[in-house]
Amino acid sequence: MSTPRKPRGPYRKGLERREQILRAALDVFSERGERGSSLKEIADRVGMSQAGVLHYFESREDLLLAVLAERDALDTEATADVMSPGEAVARTVGHNARQPGLVDLFVTLSAAASDPAHPAHAFFKRRYTDLGARIQEGLDQGRRQKQIREDVDSDLMARLLLAVSDGIQLQWLLDPSVDMTALVQAFNRMCAAAPVGDSDDPSPTGEGD
């Protein structure tokens, strides 16, 4: 079986240039957020004109979405060794706390994307569908291993976990003292199956007085 060839020539150079721009944009948005960043600063960092940057991205909005997609890919890679979807989200929000600009970009764009006419609408709709499905799959696996409670649908828990992580990020932008990781972990404990032998009976022995 032949090994797929890597892109060569101008096409390969174009991919490398696009990646260079994307990495510079990640750095800029991580530092300054959506409102404090400019296309000119990104272009300056890679030694190009703004028109040159837009040769690789159709618009500033297209570049913003590419940055968020790349952030999601890096988060997925960083949590590949985590079996629990809840713990993966807890690790991700902890990492995001060190990148306030990207959190600001995500919150700003996701809110604007509620408008079906917004350029980011399709991206976020697809993102929540795909991410929710992966989380649900992980929760179902946890159920089979008796680690996740069975009295709440895994689809509902997956949607709630996404709502918790996104809502916490907004609260954190307003008040940086909010401990995002601790709050996600608290939600994870609420989703965990009760240890074998536990009872709803408040009596320590499970018997009445």
Protein backbone atom coordinates (compact mmCIF):
# COMPACT_ATOMS: atom_id res chain seq x y z
CA MET A 1 0.00 0.00 0.00
CA SER A 2 1.43 3.35 -1.00
CA THR A 3 1.93 6.15 1.54
CA PRO A 4 -0.14 9.28 0.82
CA ARG A 5 2.07 12.05 -0.47
CA LYS A 6 2.40 15.27 1.44
CA PRO A 7 1.45 18.47 -0.38
CA ARG A 8 4.33 19.89 -2.37
CA GLY A 9 5.29 23.12 -4.07
CA PRO A 10 3.12 26.25 -3.91
CA TYR A 11 0.18 24.33 -2.39
CA ARG A 12 2.27 23.15 0.55
CA LYS A 13 3.71 26.62 1.04
CA GLY A 14 0.20 28.03 1.03
CA LEU A 15 -0.89 25.60 3.76
CA GLU A 16 2.15 26.46 5.84
CA ARG A 17 1.49 30.18 5.41
CA ARG A 18 -2.14 29.75 6.43
CA GLU A 19 -1.06 27.82 9.51
CA GLN A 20 1.42 30.57 10.39
CA ILE A 21 -1.33 33.18 10.17
CA LEU A 22 -3.67 31.03 12.26
CA ARG A 23 -1.06 30.58 14.99
CA ALA A 24 -0.40 34.32 15.08
CA ALA A 25 -4.13 34.99 15.30
CA LEU A 26 -4.43 32.52 18.19
CA ASP A 27 -1.74 34.41 20.07
CA VAL A 28 -3.26 37.82 19.37
CA PHE A 29 -6.81 36.83 20.32
CA SER A 30 -5.54 34.97 23.38
CA GLU A 31 -3.89 38.15 24.59
CA ARG A 32 -6.48 40.76 23.58
CA GLY A 33 -9.82 39.11 22.84
CA GLU A 34 -12.14 39.86 19.95
CA ARG A 35 -12.66 43.56 20.59
CA GLY A 36 -9.02 44.39 21.30
CA SER A 37 -7.51 42.60 18.31
CA SER A 38 -6.95 43.90 14.81
CA LEU A 39 -6.24 42.30 11.49
CA LYS A 40 -3.30 44.68 11.14
CA GLU A 41 -1.60 43.31 14.26
CA ILE A 42 -1.96 39.75 13.02
CA ALA A 43 -0.61 40.74 9.61
CA ASP A 44 2.34 42.53 11.22
CA ARG A 45 3.26 39.45 13.23
CA VAL A 46 3.60 37.33 10.11
CA GLY A 47 5.17 40.07 7.99
CA MET A 48 2.25 40.46 5.60
CA SER A 49 -0.27 43.07 4.57
CA GLN A 50 -3.88 42.82 5.67
CA ALA A 51 -4.83 42.04 2.08
CA GLY A 52 -2.25 39.25 2.13
CA VAL A 53 -3.86 37.71 5.22
CA LEU A 54 -7.28 37.87 3.59
CA HIS A 55 -5.87 35.93 0.64
CA TYR A 56 -5.86 32.91 2.96
CA PHE A 57 -9.08 33.72 4.84
CA GLU A 58 -12.20 35.06 3.14
CA SER A 59 -12.89 37.66 5.84
CA ARG A 60 -12.07 38.64 9.41
CA GLU A 61 -15.06 36.55 10.52
CA ASP A 62 -13.67 33.55 8.65
CA LEU A 63 -10.37 33.99 10.51
CA LEU A 64 -12.21 34.26 13.86
CA LEU A 65 -14.02 30.98 13.24
CA ALA A 66 -10.78 29.29 12.18
CA VAL A 67 -9.23 30.42 15.48
CA LEU A 68 -12.10 28.92 17.47
CA ALA A 69 -11.98 25.68 15.48
CA GLU A 70 -8.24 25.45 16.10
CA ARG A 71 -8.77 26.10 19.81
CA ASP A 72 -11.32 23.27 19.94
CA ALA A 73 -8.90 20.95 18.14
CA LEU A 74 -6.09 21.78 20.58
CA ASP A 75 -8.44 21.25 23.55
CA THR A 76 -9.48 17.85 22.17
CA GLU A 77 -5.84 16.88 21.72
CA ALA A 78 -4.96 18.02 25.25
CA THR A 79 -7.74 15.93 26.80
CA ALA A 80 -7.27 12.80 24.68
CA ASP A 81 -6.01 10.86 27.72
CA VAL A 82 -9.11 11.70 29.81
CA MET A 83 -11.82 9.04 29.74
CA SER A 84 -14.60 11.05 31.41
CA PRO A 85 -16.20 13.82 29.30
CA GLY A 86 -16.88 15.77 32.49
CA GLU A 87 -13.24 15.69 33.48
CA ALA A 88 -12.26 16.68 29.94
CA VAL A 89 -14.47 19.76 30.21
CA ALA A 90 -13.05 20.56 33.67
CA ARG A 91 -9.51 20.41 32.28
CA THR A 92 -10.51 22.55 29.29
CA VAL A 93 -12.05 25.37 31.35
CA GLY A 94 -8.98 25.34 33.58
CA HIS A 95 -6.80 25.77 30.49
CA ASN A 96 -9.11 28.48 29.14
CA ALA A 97 -8.64 30.49 32.34
CA ARG A 98 -5.09 31.11 31.15
CA GLN A 99 -6.37 32.45 27.80
CA PRO A 100 -8.91 35.14 28.67
CA GLY A 101 -8.85 36.64 25.19
CA LEU A 102 -10.01 33.39 23.58
CA VAL A 103 -12.75 33.03 26.18
CA ASP A 104 -13.88 36.56 25.33
CA LEU A 105 -13.82 35.72 21.61
CA PHE A 106 -15.87 32.55 22.17
CA VAL A 107 -18.49 34.24 24.36
CA THR A 108 -18.82 37.22 22.02
CA LEU A 109 -19.18 35.17 18.84
CA SER A 110 -21.44 32.48 20.33
CA ALA A 111 -23.89 35.14 21.54
CA ALA A 112 -23.92 36.89 18.17
CA ALA A 113 -24.33 33.53 16.37
CA SER A 114 -27.86 33.11 17.73
CA ASP A 115 -28.88 35.21 14.70
CA PRO A 116 -29.36 32.76 11.79
CA ALA A 117 -27.93 35.39 9.43
CA HIS A 118 -24.66 35.69 11.36
CA PRO A 119 -21.57 34.14 9.67
CA ALA A 120 -20.87 32.08 12.82
CA HIS A 121 -24.38 30.60 13.11
CA ALA A 122 -23.69 27.39 11.20
CA PHE A 123 -20.33 26.89 12.95
CA PHE A 124 -21.81 27.02 16.45
CA LYS A 125 -24.86 24.95 15.55
CA ARG A 126 -22.61 22.22 14.16
CA ARG A 127 -20.21 22.56 17.11
CA TYR A 128 -22.91 21.99 19.72
CA THR A 129 -24.36 19.06 17.78
CA ASP A 130 -20.99 17.32 17.38
CA LEU A 131 -19.68 18.10 20.85
CA GLY A 132 -22.96 17.12 22.50
CA ALA A 133 -22.93 13.78 20.68
CA ARG A 134 -19.36 13.04 21.82
CA ILE A 135 -20.17 13.93 25.43
CA GLN A 136 -23.32 11.79 25.35
CA GLU A 137 -21.32 8.86 24.01
CA GLY A 138 -18.83 9.26 26.87
CA LEU A 139 -21.63 9.44 29.44
CA ASP A 140 -23.24 6.31 28.01
CA GLN A 141 -19.93 4.52 28.35
CA GLY A 142 -19.73 5.72 31.96
CA ARG A 143 -23.18 4.31 32.56
CA ARG A 144 -22.13 0.91 31.27
CA GLN A 145 -19.28 1.05 33.78
CA LYS A 146 -21.70 2.05 36.56
CA GLN A 147 -19.96 5.42 37.00
CA ILE A 148 -22.78 7.71 35.80
CA ARG A 149 -26.27 7.97 37.28
CA GLU A 150 -29.07 6.38 35.27
CA ASP A 151 -32.09 8.41 36.40
CA VAL A 152 -31.36 11.35 34.04
CA ASP A 153 -31.10 10.97 30.25
CA SER A 154 -27.49 11.19 29.03
CA ASP A 155 -28.62 13.60 26.30
CA LEU A 156 -29.90 16.00 28.97
CA MET A 157 -26.72 15.67 31.03
CA ALA A 158 -24.60 16.36 27.94
CA ARG A 159 -26.55 19.52 27.14
CA LEU A 160 -26.37 20.63 30.77
CA LEU A 161 -22.61 20.08 30.89
CA LEU A 162 -22.18 22.31 27.82
CA ALA A 163 -24.50 24.92 29.34
CA VAL A 164 -22.54 24.82 32.59
CA SER A 165 -19.15 25.22 30.91
CA ASP A 166 -20.30 28.06 28.63
CA GLY A 167 -22.25 29.88 31.33
CA ILE A 168 -19.34 29.66 33.74
CA GLN A 169 -17.04 31.23 31.17
CA LEU A 170 -19.33 34.26 30.93
CA GLN A 171 -19.48 34.54 34.73
CA TRP A 172 -15.68 34.27 34.87
CA LEU A 173 -15.24 37.11 32.37
CA LEU A 174 -17.42 39.27 34.63
CA ASP A 175 -15.72 38.06 37.82
CA PRO A 176 -12.27 36.41 37.43
CA SER A 177 -12.47 35.09 41.00
CA VAL A 178 -14.97 32.45 39.81
CA ASP A 179 -13.32 29.00 39.94
CA MET A 180 -14.49 27.46 36.67
CA THR A 181 -12.81 24.10 37.24
CA ALA A 182 -14.33 23.67 40.70
CA LEU A 183 -17.81 24.43 39.39
CA VAL A 184 -17.56 21.92 36.52
CA GLN A 185 -16.24 19.29 38.93
CA ALA A 186 -19.19 19.97 41.25
CA PHE A 187 -21.56 19.31 38.33
CA ASN A 188 -19.64 16.13 37.53
CA ARG A 189 -20.20 14.89 41.08
CA MET A 190 -23.92 15.47 40.67
CA CYS A 191 -23.86 13.29 37.54
CA ALA A 192 -21.91 10.48 39.19
CA ALA A 193 -23.60 7.25 40.20
CA ALA A 194 -24.16 6.81 43.92
CA PRO A 195 -21.63 4.42 45.52
CA VAL A 196 -22.92 0.89 45.96
CA GLY A 197 -24.67 0.54 49.30
CA ASP A 198 -25.77 4.18 49.53
CA SER A 199 -29.41 4.80 50.43
CA ASP A 200 -31.78 7.71 50.22
CA ASP A 201 -32.69 6.97 53.84
CA PRO A 202 -31.19 9.71 56.04
CA SER A 203 -30.61 7.17 58.82
CA PRO A 204 -26.94 6.00 58.87
CA THR A 205 -28.07 2.38 59.03
CA GLY A 206 -30.91 2.76 56.56
CA GLU A 207 -33.38 1.84 59.26
CA GLY A 208 -36.08 3.87 61.00
CA ASP A 209 -35.91 4.96 64.61
